Amino acid sequence: MVVKYVVVPESQAAGGMSWALARHPDGLPVNIFMTHCWEEGIYEFHRKVKRYIHGGISARTNPETEADPRPATPHIWCCFLANPQCWPRQALKELLGQDPMKSPFAKALMTKNGAGELLAKCVWLVSNHATSIYNRLWCVLELKIAMDLGLPIVFSLSSASVRRRRKGDTPMPELTQNPQQKMRLNGVDLGSYNVNDQLLLGFDGVQHAECSDPDDAKLIRDVVKGSEGQLDTLIERISFANTYAMLVHDKHKIEEKLGKAVIKDLLKGILVVDCTCLP
């Protein structure tokens, strides 16, 4: 609804460019790449943007060896604002092109400065209460590029504990805990825990991910072919980081199963934004 009634008409009034370009005609060097799908809705999206910007790296993961990659002045590339949503569907399809590795998504991730350094310093995952973003092929492609580039992965803790609910508040969908959520890692059952994990919500492997456009789906599947197992493992690692950060009383059970050295290696390059500081 925001895209239809705000982004599209205002972009059209600005001459048909994207929302981002209309506000920054000279452009900005992207330093954070956001990956998300539209299932979260604008209110959930807004809450998670606030958490990401204002939250700190969780002390319950691995902060002593992982520097916070988030730039002090964020220039966030987000598809629904960076792409010209007011263009006709066919024109947008032509913009995405016949090679996903040359699409605006890929360019935003892969562009380098004059010194040969990537402009994007991290990939920010925005999960949602409705479905795993990795049921969407474009998100799978973005993770594949990030994995190949070795970019840090940052995401907000998807837990009911991230917000202090006031008396009388209606619980938001993404803050509702899943009773006894099963966790897996490389096929190993890590047990069941009372956590709200959104990255594995309905997720059964990237080979089952879909795309609204069948032509795009075929092109993306060709790009990620052969990397499905690596991507599934990385998604499970990210989910593990989320669970590990949320656990308080049951953390020792995972540590006994895996060992702290293995856990430290699993958390490498994956950072959780803990947002208990927000109202």
C-alpha atoms as a PDB file:
ATOM      1  CA  MET A   1       0.000   0.000   0.000  1.00  0.00           C
ATOM      2  CA  VAL A   2       2.869   2.394   0.764  1.00  0.00           C
ATOM      3  CA  VAL A   3       4.436   1.664  -2.611  1.00  0.00           C
ATOM      4  CA  LYS A   4       1.114   2.011  -4.428  1.00  0.00           C
ATOM      5  CA  TYR A   5      -0.154   5.156  -2.730  1.00  0.00           C
ATOM      6  CA  VAL A   6       3.032   6.975  -1.709  1.00  0.00           C
ATOM      7  CA  VAL A   7       6.160   5.788  -3.512  1.00  0.00           C
ATOM      8  CA  VAL A   8       4.668   5.404  -6.994  1.00  0.00           C
ATOM      9  CA  PRO A   9       2.730   8.724  -7.261  1.00  0.00           C
ATOM     10  CA  GLU A  10       5.519  10.784  -5.680  1.00  0.00           C
ATOM     11  CA  SER A  11       8.112   9.121  -7.915  1.00  0.00           C
ATOM     12  CA  GLN A  12       5.974   9.841 -10.958  1.00  0.00           C
ATOM     13  CA  ALA A  13       5.653  13.471  -9.888  1.00  0.00           C
ATOM     14  CA  ALA A  14       9.450  13.638  -9.606  1.00  0.00           C
ATOM     15  CA  GLY A  15       9.861  12.580 -13.230  1.00  0.00           C
ATOM     16  CA  GLY A  16       9.682   8.787 -13.069  1.00  0.00           C
ATOM     17  CA  MET A  17      12.850   8.064 -11.133  1.00  0.00           C
ATOM     18  CA  SER A  18      13.172   5.979  -7.978  1.00  0.00           C
ATOM     19  CA  TRP A  19      12.276   7.344  -4.541  1.00  0.00           C
ATOM     20  CA  ALA A  20      15.941   7.266  -3.511  1.00  0.00           C
ATOM     21  CA  LEU A  21      17.191   9.079  -6.608  1.00  0.00           C
ATOM     22  CA  ALA A  22      14.488  11.733  -6.301  1.00  0.00           C
ATOM     23  CA  ARG A  23      15.804  12.565  -2.819  1.00  0.00           C
ATOM     24  CA  HIS A  24      19.488  12.242  -3.683  1.00  0.00           C
ATOM     25  CA  PRO A  25      19.830  13.333  -7.345  1.00  0.00           C
ATOM     26  CA  ASP A  26      23.619  12.957  -7.257  1.00  0.00           C
ATOM     27  CA  GLY A  27      23.376   9.530  -5.695  1.00  0.00           C
ATOM     28  CA  LEU A  28      25.016   8.187  -2.536  1.00  0.00           C
ATOM     29  CA  PRO A  29      27.700   5.517  -2.199  1.00  0.00           C
ATOM     30  CA  VAL A  30      25.907   2.481  -0.750  1.00  0.00           C
ATOM     31  CA  ASN A  31      27.543   1.137   2.402  1.00  0.00           C
ATOM     32  CA  ILE A  32      24.776  -1.149   3.682  1.00  0.00           C
ATOM     33  CA  PHE A  33      22.838  -3.566   1.491  1.00  0.00           C
ATOM     34  CA  MET A  34      19.404  -4.513   2.814  1.00  0.00           C
ATOM     35  CA  THR A  35      17.878  -7.841   1.822  1.00  0.00           C
ATOM     36  CA  HIS A  36      14.193  -8.388   2.538  1.00  0.00           C
ATOM     37  CA  CYS A  37      10.929  -9.434   0.936  1.00  0.00           C
ATOM     38  CA  TRP A  38       7.692  -7.481   0.999  1.00  0.00           C
ATOM     39  CA  GLU A  39       5.908  -9.828   3.385  1.00  0.00           C
ATOM     40  CA  GLU A  40       6.812  -7.833   6.491  1.00  0.00           C
ATOM     41  CA  GLY A  41       4.593  -4.823   5.801  1.00  0.00           C
ATOM     42  CA  ILE A  42       5.668  -1.251   6.448  1.00  0.00           C
ATOM     43  CA  TYR A  43       5.140  -1.170  10.231  1.00  0.00           C
ATOM     44  CA  GLU A  44       7.233  -4.261  10.885  1.00  0.00           C
ATOM     45  CA  PHE A  45       9.792  -2.923   8.412  1.00  0.00           C
ATOM     46  CA  HIS A  46       9.947   0.426  10.226  1.00  0.00           C
ATOM     47  CA  ARG A  47      10.373  -1.209  13.634  1.00  0.00           C
ATOM     48  CA  LYS A  48      13.242  -3.322  12.386  1.00  0.00           C
ATOM     49  CA  VAL A  49      14.967  -0.362  10.744  1.00  0.00           C
ATOM     50  CA  LYS A  50      14.850   1.454  14.108  1.00  0.00           C
ATOM     51  CA  ARG A  51      16.207  -1.593  15.904  1.00  0.00           C
ATOM     52  CA  TYR A  52      19.032  -1.970  13.422  1.00  0.00           C
ATOM     53  CA  ILE A  53      20.063   1.681  13.505  1.00  0.00           C
ATOM     54  CA  HIS A  54      19.834   2.099  17.289  1.00  0.00           C
ATOM     55  CA  GLY A  55      20.662  -1.382  18.569  1.00  0.00           C
ATOM     56  CA  GLY A  56      24.056  -2.674  19.611  1.00  0.00           C
ATOM     57  CA  ILE A  57      25.824  -5.908  18.708  1.00  0.00           C
ATOM     58  CA  SER A  58      24.641  -8.599  21.108  1.00  0.00           C
ATOM     59  CA  ALA A  59      27.046  -9.401  23.927  1.00  0.00           C
ATOM     60  CA  ARG A  60      25.600 -12.904  23.852  1.00  0.00           C
ATOM     61  CA  THR A  61      27.135 -13.838  20.508  1.00  0.00           C
ATOM     62  CA  ASN A  62      30.782 -13.122  19.675  1.00  0.00           C
ATOM     63  CA  PRO A  63      31.542  -9.397  20.039  1.00  0.00           C
ATOM     64  CA  GLU A  64      35.151  -9.775  21.182  1.00  0.00           C
ATOM     65  CA  THR A  65      36.258 -11.072  17.792  1.00  0.00           C
ATOM     66  CA  GLU A  66      33.716  -9.379  15.520  1.00  0.00           C
ATOM     67  CA  ALA A  67      33.891  -5.650  14.920  1.00  0.00           C
ATOM     68  CA  ASP A  68      30.628  -3.877  14.189  1.00  0.00           C
ATOM     69  CA  PRO A  69      30.690  -3.345  10.387  1.00  0.00           C
ATOM     70  CA  ARG A  70      27.797  -0.888  10.346  1.00  0.00           C
ATOM     71  CA  PRO A  71      28.952   2.546   9.100  1.00  0.00           C
ATOM     72  CA  ALA A  72      28.346   5.520  11.386  1.00  0.00           C
ATOM     73  CA  THR A  73      26.491   7.269   8.551  1.00  0.00           C
ATOM     74  CA  PRO A  74      24.384   4.596   6.846  1.00  0.00           C
ATOM     75  CA  HIS A  75      23.591   4.776   3.144  1.00  0.00           C
ATOM     76  CA  ILE A  76      21.179   1.861   2.849  1.00  0.00           C
ATOM     77  CA  TRP A  77      20.305   0.289  -0.496  1.00  0.00           C
ATOM     78  CA  CYS A  78      16.758  -1.030  -0.276  1.00  0.00           C
ATOM     79  CA  CYS A  79      15.080  -2.394  -3.402  1.00  0.00           C
ATOM     80  CA  PHE A  80      11.587  -0.904  -3.017  1.00  0.00           C
ATOM     81  CA  LEU A  81      13.098   2.585  -2.688  1.00  0.00           C
ATOM     82  CA  ALA A  82      16.143   2.176  -4.949  1.00  0.00           C
ATOM     83  CA  ASN A  83      14.322   0.688  -7.935  1.00  0.00           C
ATOM     84  CA  PRO A  84      11.874   2.883  -9.913  1.00  0.00           C
ATOM     85  CA  GLN A  85       8.565   1.394  -8.735  1.00  0.00           C
ATOM     86  CA  CYS A  86       6.546   3.738 -10.933  1.00  0.00           C
ATOM     87  CA  TRP A  87       7.886   2.131 -14.114  1.00  0.00           C
ATOM     88  CA  PRO A  88       5.636  -0.326 -15.992  1.00  0.00           C
ATOM     89  CA  ARG A  89       6.264  -3.979 -15.135  1.00  0.00           C
ATOM     90  CA  GLN A  90       7.929  -4.697 -18.473  1.00  0.00           C
ATOM     91  CA  ALA A  91      10.293  -1.743 -18.076  1.00  0.00           C
ATOM     92  CA  LEU A  92      11.279  -2.957 -14.602  1.00  0.00           C
ATOM     93  CA  LYS A  93      11.819  -6.427 -16.037  1.00  0.00           C
ATOM     94  CA  GLU A  94      14.182  -4.961 -18.636  1.00  0.00           C
ATOM     95  CA  LEU A  95      16.017  -3.051 -15.893  1.00  0.00           C
ATOM     96  CA  LEU A  96      16.632  -6.327 -14.040  1.00  0.00           C
ATOM     97  CA  GLY A  97      17.953  -7.727 -17.312  1.00  0.00           C
ATOM     98  CA  GLN A  98      18.808 -11.212 -18.501  1.00  0.00           C
ATOM     99  CA  ASP A  99      21.797 -11.638 -16.199  1.00  0.00           C
ATOM    100  CA  PRO A 100      21.003 -11.496 -12.472  1.00  0.00           C
ATOM    101  CA  MET A 101      24.673 -10.760 -11.776  1.00  0.00           C
ATOM    102  CA  LYS A 102      24.261  -7.475 -13.667  1.00  0.00           C
ATOM    103  CA  SER A 103      20.971  -6.505 -12.023  1.00  0.00           C
ATOM    104  CA  PRO A 104      20.699  -3.436  -9.757  1.00  0.00           C
ATOM    105  CA  PHE A 105      20.744  -5.792  -6.751  1.00  0.00           C
ATOM    106  CA  ALA A 106      24.056  -7.330  -7.774  1.00  0.00           C
ATOM    107  CA  LYS A 107      25.608  -3.992  -8.746  1.00  0.00           C
ATOM    108  CA  ALA A 108      24.732  -2.474  -5.359  1.00  0.00           C
ATOM    109  CA  LEU A 109      26.470  -5.405  -3.656  1.00  0.00           C
ATOM    110  CA  MET A 110      29.498  -5.663  -5.916  1.00  0.00           C
ATOM    111  CA  THR A 111      30.419  -2.042  -6.711  1.00  0.00           C
ATOM    112  CA  LYS A 112      33.917  -1.003  -5.594  1.00  0.00           C
ATOM    113  CA  ASN A 113      35.543   2.354  -4.969  1.00  0.00           C
ATOM    114  CA  GLY A 114      38.672   3.686  -6.653  1.00  0.00           C
ATOM    115  CA  ALA A 115      40.863   1.714  -4.268  1.00  0.00           C
ATOM    116  CA  GLY A 116      39.177  -1.530  -5.247  1.00  0.00           C
ATOM    117  CA  GLU A 117      37.257  -1.851  -1.956  1.00  0.00           C
ATOM    118  CA  LEU A 118      33.631  -2.878  -1.833  1.00  0.00           C
ATOM    119  CA  LEU A 119      31.321   0.036  -1.068  1.00  0.00           C
ATOM    120  CA  ALA A 120      28.919  -2.238   0.840  1.00  0.00           C
ATOM    121  CA  LYS A 121      30.385  -3.038   4.250  1.00  0.00           C
ATOM    122  CA  CYS A 122      27.724  -5.547   5.284  1.00  0.00           C
ATOM    123  CA  VAL A 123      24.487  -7.217   4.273  1.00  0.00           C
ATOM    124  CA  TRP A 124      21.539  -6.497   6.533  1.00  0.00           C
ATOM    125  CA  LEU A 125      18.863  -9.187   6.727  1.00  0.00           C
ATOM    126  CA  VAL A 126      15.327  -8.031   7.464  1.00  0.00           C
ATOM    127  CA  SER A 127      13.305 -11.094   8.420  1.00  0.00           C
ATOM    128  CA  ASN A 128       9.531 -11.064   8.892  1.00  0.00           C
ATOM    129  CA  HIS A 129       6.761 -12.835  10.786  1.00  0.00           C
ATOM    130  CA  ALA A 130       5.107 -14.298   7.664  1.00  0.00           C
ATOM    131  CA  THR A 131       7.774 -16.344   5.879  1.00  0.00           C
ATOM    132  CA  SER A 132      11.488 -16.951   5.575  1.00  0.00           C
ATOM    133  CA  ILE A 133      13.010 -14.403   3.227  1.00  0.00           C
ATOM    134  CA  TYR A 134      14.955 -17.340   1.781  1.00  0.00           C
ATOM    135  CA  ASN A 135      11.784 -18.709   0.266  1.00  0.00           C
ATOM    136  CA  ARG A 136      12.350 -15.835  -2.210  1.00  0.00           C
ATOM    137  CA  LEU A 137      14.897 -16.402  -4.975  1.00  0.00           C
ATOM    138  CA  TRP A 138      16.089 -12.789  -5.152  1.00  0.00           C
ATOM    139  CA  CYS A 139      17.032 -12.983  -1.458  1.00  0.00           C
ATOM    140  CA  VAL A 140      18.829 -16.268  -2.145  1.00  0.00           C
ATOM    141  CA  LEU A 141      20.788 -14.600  -4.948  1.00  0.00           C
ATOM    142  CA  GLU A 142      21.741 -11.692  -2.677  1.00  0.00           C
ATOM    143  CA  LEU A 143      22.982 -14.107  -0.020  1.00  0.00           C
ATOM    144  CA  LYS A 144      24.988 -16.012  -2.640  1.00  0.00           C
ATOM    145  CA  ILE A 145      26.722 -12.816  -3.772  1.00  0.00           C
ATOM    146  CA  ALA A 146      27.360 -11.769  -0.157  1.00  0.00           C
ATOM    147  CA  MET A 147      28.777 -15.217   0.608  1.00  0.00           C
ATOM    148  CA  ASP A 148      31.081 -15.133  -2.413  1.00  0.00           C
ATOM    149  CA  LEU A 149      32.262 -11.625  -1.484  1.00  0.00           C
ATOM    150  CA  GLY A 150      32.787 -12.548   2.174  1.00  0.00           C
ATOM    151  CA  LEU A 151      30.598  -9.690   3.398  1.00  0.00           C
ATOM    152  CA  PRO A 152      29.560  -9.690   7.087  1.00  0.00           C
ATOM    153  CA  ILE A 153      25.937 -10.615   7.771  1.00  0.00           C
ATOM    154  CA  VAL A 154      24.058  -8.439  10.280  1.00  0.00           C
ATOM    155  CA  PHE A 155      20.466  -8.863  11.425  1.00  0.00           C
ATOM    156  CA  SER A 156      18.172  -7.888  14.264  1.00  0.00           C
ATOM    157  CA  LEU A 157      17.370 -10.370  16.987  1.00  0.00           C
ATOM    158  CA  SER A 158      13.933 -11.802  16.120  1.00  0.00           C
ATOM    159  CA  SER A 159      12.730 -12.341  19.651  1.00  0.00           C
ATOM    160  CA  ALA A 160       9.816 -11.306  21.829  1.00  0.00           C
ATOM    161  CA  SER A 161      12.409 -10.023  24.275  1.00  0.00           C
ATOM    162  CA  VAL A 162      13.499  -7.168  22.017  1.00  0.00           C
ATOM    163  CA  ARG A 163      10.569  -4.988  23.038  1.00  0.00           C
ATOM    164  CA  ARG A 164       9.284  -4.214  26.496  1.00  0.00           C
ATOM    165  CA  ARG A 165       5.541  -4.525  26.012  1.00  0.00           C
ATOM    166  CA  ARG A 166       3.437  -2.149  28.081  1.00  0.00           C
ATOM    167  CA  LYS A 167       0.360  -3.340  29.896  1.00  0.00           C
ATOM    168  CA  GLY A 168      -2.540  -3.513  27.473  1.00  0.00           C
ATOM    169  CA  ASP A 169      -0.329  -3.663  24.347  1.00  0.00           C
ATOM    170  CA  THR A 170      -1.457  -6.000  21.589  1.00  0.00           C
ATOM    171  CA  PRO A 171       1.488  -8.335  20.843  1.00  0.00           C
ATOM    172  CA  MET A 172       2.862  -7.793  17.347  1.00  0.00           C
ATOM    173  CA  PRO A 173       2.997 -10.928  15.148  1.00  0.00           C
ATOM    174  CA  GLU A 174       6.784 -11.031  14.899  1.00  0.00           C
ATOM    175  CA  LEU A 175       7.073 -10.790  18.689  1.00  0.00           C
ATOM    176  CA  THR A 176       5.075 -13.937  19.365  1.00  0.00           C
ATOM    177  CA  GLN A 177       7.355 -16.731  20.486  1.00  0.00           C
ATOM    178  CA  ASN A 178       7.152 -20.125  18.830  1.00  0.00           C
ATOM    179  CA  PRO A 179       6.793 -22.869  21.451  1.00  0.00           C
ATOM    180  CA  GLN A 180       9.585 -25.437  21.199  1.00  0.00           C
ATOM    181  CA  GLN A 181      11.123 -24.301  17.893  1.00  0.00           C
ATOM    182  CA  LYS A 182      13.349 -27.068  16.522  1.00  0.00           C
ATOM    183  CA  MET A 183      16.857 -26.043  15.530  1.00  0.00           C
ATOM    184  CA  ARG A 184      19.132 -27.818  13.073  1.00  0.00           C
ATOM    185  CA  LEU A 185      22.687 -27.352  11.853  1.00  0.00           C
ATOM    186  CA  ASN A 186      24.345 -29.453   9.147  1.00  0.00           C
ATOM    187  CA  GLY A 187      21.676 -32.066   9.708  1.00  0.00           C
ATOM    188  CA  VAL A 188      22.384 -32.193  13.446  1.00  0.00           C
ATOM    189  CA  ASP A 189      19.381 -31.781  15.728  1.00  0.00           C
ATOM    190  CA  LEU A 190      20.279 -29.141  18.314  1.00  0.00           C
ATOM    191  CA  GLY A 191      17.093 -29.629  20.280  1.00  0.00           C
ATOM    192  CA  SER A 192      13.943 -27.572  20.665  1.00  0.00           C
ATOM    193  CA  TYR A 193      13.875 -24.129  22.252  1.00  0.00           C
ATOM    194  CA  ASN A 194      11.330 -21.423  23.007  1.00  0.00           C
ATOM    195  CA  VAL A 195      12.624 -18.963  20.444  1.00  0.00           C
ATOM    196  CA  ASN A 196      11.085 -17.032  17.579  1.00  0.00           C
ATOM    197  CA  ASP A 197      13.203 -17.896  14.562  1.00  0.00           C
ATOM    198  CA  GLN A 198      12.002 -16.188  11.396  1.00  0.00           C
ATOM    199  CA  LEU A 199      14.734 -17.234   8.975  1.00  0.00           C
ATOM    200  CA  LEU A 200      13.649 -20.875   9.036  1.00  0.00           C
ATOM    201  CA  LEU A 201       9.918 -20.073   8.989  1.00  0.00           C
ATOM    202  CA  GLY A 202       8.547 -22.380   6.290  1.00  0.00           C
ATOM    203  CA  PHE A 203      12.072 -22.810   4.919  1.00  0.00           C
ATOM    204  CA  ASP A 204      12.945 -26.189   3.403  1.00  0.00           C
ATOM    205  CA  GLY A 205      16.056 -25.383   1.412  1.00  0.00           C
ATOM    206  CA  VAL A 206      16.893 -22.792  -1.225  1.00  0.00           C
ATOM    207  CA  GLN A 207      16.079 -25.300  -3.967  1.00  0.00           C
ATOM    208  CA  HIS A 208      12.419 -24.673  -3.118  1.00  0.00           C
ATOM    209  CA  ALA A 209      12.669 -20.868  -3.224  1.00  0.00           C
ATOM    210  CA  GLU A 210      10.338 -19.132  -5.653  1.00  0.00           C
ATOM    211  CA  CYS A 211      10.114 -15.921  -7.664  1.00  0.00           C
ATOM    212  CA  SER A 212       7.063 -14.002  -8.898  1.00  0.00           C
ATOM    213  CA  ASP A 213       8.482 -13.948 -12.432  1.00  0.00           C
ATOM    214  CA  PRO A 214       9.186 -17.417 -13.923  1.00  0.00           C
ATOM    215  CA  ASP A 215      11.847 -15.975 -16.246  1.00  0.00           C
ATOM    216  CA  ASP A 216      13.718 -14.440 -13.307  1.00  0.00           C
ATOM    217  CA  ALA A 217      13.352 -17.713 -11.405  1.00  0.00           C
ATOM    218  CA  LYS A 218      15.100 -19.676 -14.140  1.00  0.00           C
ATOM    219  CA  LEU A 219      17.898 -17.121 -14.465  1.00  0.00           C
ATOM    220  CA  ILE A 220      18.554 -17.020 -10.701  1.00  0.00           C
ATOM    221  CA  ARG A 221      18.457 -20.807 -10.335  1.00  0.00           C
ATOM    222  CA  ASP A 222      21.134 -21.029 -13.022  1.00  0.00           C
ATOM    223  CA  VAL A 223      23.341 -18.629 -11.042  1.00  0.00           C
ATOM    224  CA  VAL A 224      22.971 -20.383  -7.665  1.00  0.00           C
ATOM    225  CA  LYS A 225      23.174 -23.899  -9.131  1.00  0.00           C
ATOM    226  CA  GLY A 226      25.820 -25.890  -7.306  1.00  0.00           C
ATOM    227  CA  SER A 227      25.804 -23.581  -4.275  1.00  0.00           C
ATOM    228  CA  GLU A 228      22.516 -24.724  -2.746  1.00  0.00           C
ATOM    229  CA  GLY A 229      24.165 -26.780  -0.011  1.00  0.00           C
ATOM    230  CA  GLN A 230      26.506 -23.949   0.999  1.00  0.00           C
ATOM    231  CA  LEU A 231      23.607 -21.499   1.093  1.00  0.00           C
ATOM    232  CA  ASP A 232      21.439 -23.815   3.190  1.00  0.00           C
ATOM    233  CA  THR A 233      24.317 -24.211   5.645  1.00  0.00           C
ATOM    234  CA  LEU A 234      24.869 -20.445   5.837  1.00  0.00           C
ATOM    235  CA  ILE A 235      21.160 -19.818   6.460  1.00  0.00           C
ATOM    236  CA  GLU A 236      21.231 -22.419   9.236  1.00  0.00           C
ATOM    237  CA  ARG A 237      24.311 -20.696  10.719  1.00  0.00           C
ATOM    238  CA  ILE A 238      22.523 -17.345  10.710  1.00  0.00           C
ATOM    239  CA  SER A 239      19.491 -18.954  12.329  1.00  0.00           C
ATOM    240  CA  PHE A 240      21.794 -20.573  14.873  1.00  0.00           C
ATOM    241  CA  ALA A 241      23.280 -17.169  15.743  1.00  0.00           C
ATOM    242  CA  ASN A 242      19.771 -15.854  16.335  1.00  0.00           C
ATOM    243  CA  THR A 243      18.870 -18.774  18.615  1.00  0.00           C
ATOM    244  CA  TYR A 244      22.173 -18.697  20.479  1.00  0.00           C
ATOM    245  CA  ALA A 245      21.809 -14.974  21.157  1.00  0.00           C
ATOM    246  CA  MET A 246      18.284 -15.431  22.517  1.00  0.00           C
ATOM    247  CA  LEU A 247      18.978 -18.379  24.772  1.00  0.00           C
ATOM    248  CA  VAL A 248      19.723 -17.627  28.381  1.00  0.00           C
ATOM    249  CA  HIS A 249      18.947 -20.714  30.441  1.00  0.00           C
ATOM    250  CA  ASP A 250      19.432 -23.379  27.750  1.00  0.00           C
ATOM    251  CA  LYS A 251      22.605 -21.998  26.168  1.00  0.00           C
ATOM    252  CA  HIS A 252      24.764 -24.592  27.957  1.00  0.00           C
ATOM    253  CA  LYS A 253      22.901 -27.415  26.181  1.00  0.00           C
ATOM    254  CA  ILE A 254      24.124 -26.226  22.783  1.00  0.00           C
ATOM    255  CA  GLU A 255      27.612 -25.551  24.153  1.00  0.00           C
ATOM    256  CA  GLU A 256      27.766 -29.126  25.475  1.00  0.00           C
ATOM    257  CA  LYS A 257      26.693 -30.524  22.084  1.00  0.00           C
ATOM    258  CA  LEU A 258      28.978 -28.437  19.892  1.00  0.00           C
ATOM    259  CA  GLY A 259      31.735 -27.010  22.067  1.00  0.00           C
ATOM    260  CA  LYS A 260      32.610 -23.330  22.420  1.00  0.00           C
ATOM    261  CA  ALA A 261      35.353 -23.465  19.754  1.00  0.00           C
ATOM    262  CA  VAL A 262      32.899 -24.773  17.143  1.00  0.00           C
ATOM    263  CA  ILE A 263      30.325 -22.174  18.150  1.00  0.00           C
ATOM    264  CA  LYS A 264      32.890 -19.397  17.817  1.00  0.00           C
ATOM    265  CA  ASP A 265      33.662 -20.565  14.288  1.00  0.00           C
ATOM    266  CA  LEU A 266      29.949 -20.820  13.410  1.00  0.00           C
ATOM    267  CA  LEU A 267      29.365 -17.238  14.518  1.00  0.00           C
ATOM    268  CA  LYS A 268      32.242 -15.839  12.469  1.00  0.00           C
ATOM    269  CA  GLY A 269      31.068 -13.074  10.143  1.00  0.00           C
ATOM    270  CA  ILE A 270      27.506 -13.144  11.536  1.00  0.00           C
ATOM    271  CA  LEU A 271      26.414 -10.425  13.959  1.00  0.00           C
ATOM    272  CA  VAL A 272      23.162 -10.001  15.844  1.00  0.00           C
ATOM    273  CA  VAL A 273      21.764  -6.586  16.700  1.00  0.00           C
ATOM    274  CA  ASP A 274      20.349  -6.702  20.220  1.00  0.00           C
ATOM    275  CA  CYS A 275      17.671  -4.086  20.659  1.00  0.00           C
ATOM    276  CA  THR A 276      16.501  -4.377  24.253  1.00  0.00           C
ATOM    277  CA  CYS A 277      17.428  -0.696  24.621  1.00  0.00           C
ATOM    278  CA  LEU A 278      14.449   0.416  22.517  1.00  0.00           C
ATOM    279  CA  PRO A 279      11.065   1.323  24.035  1.00  0.00           C
END
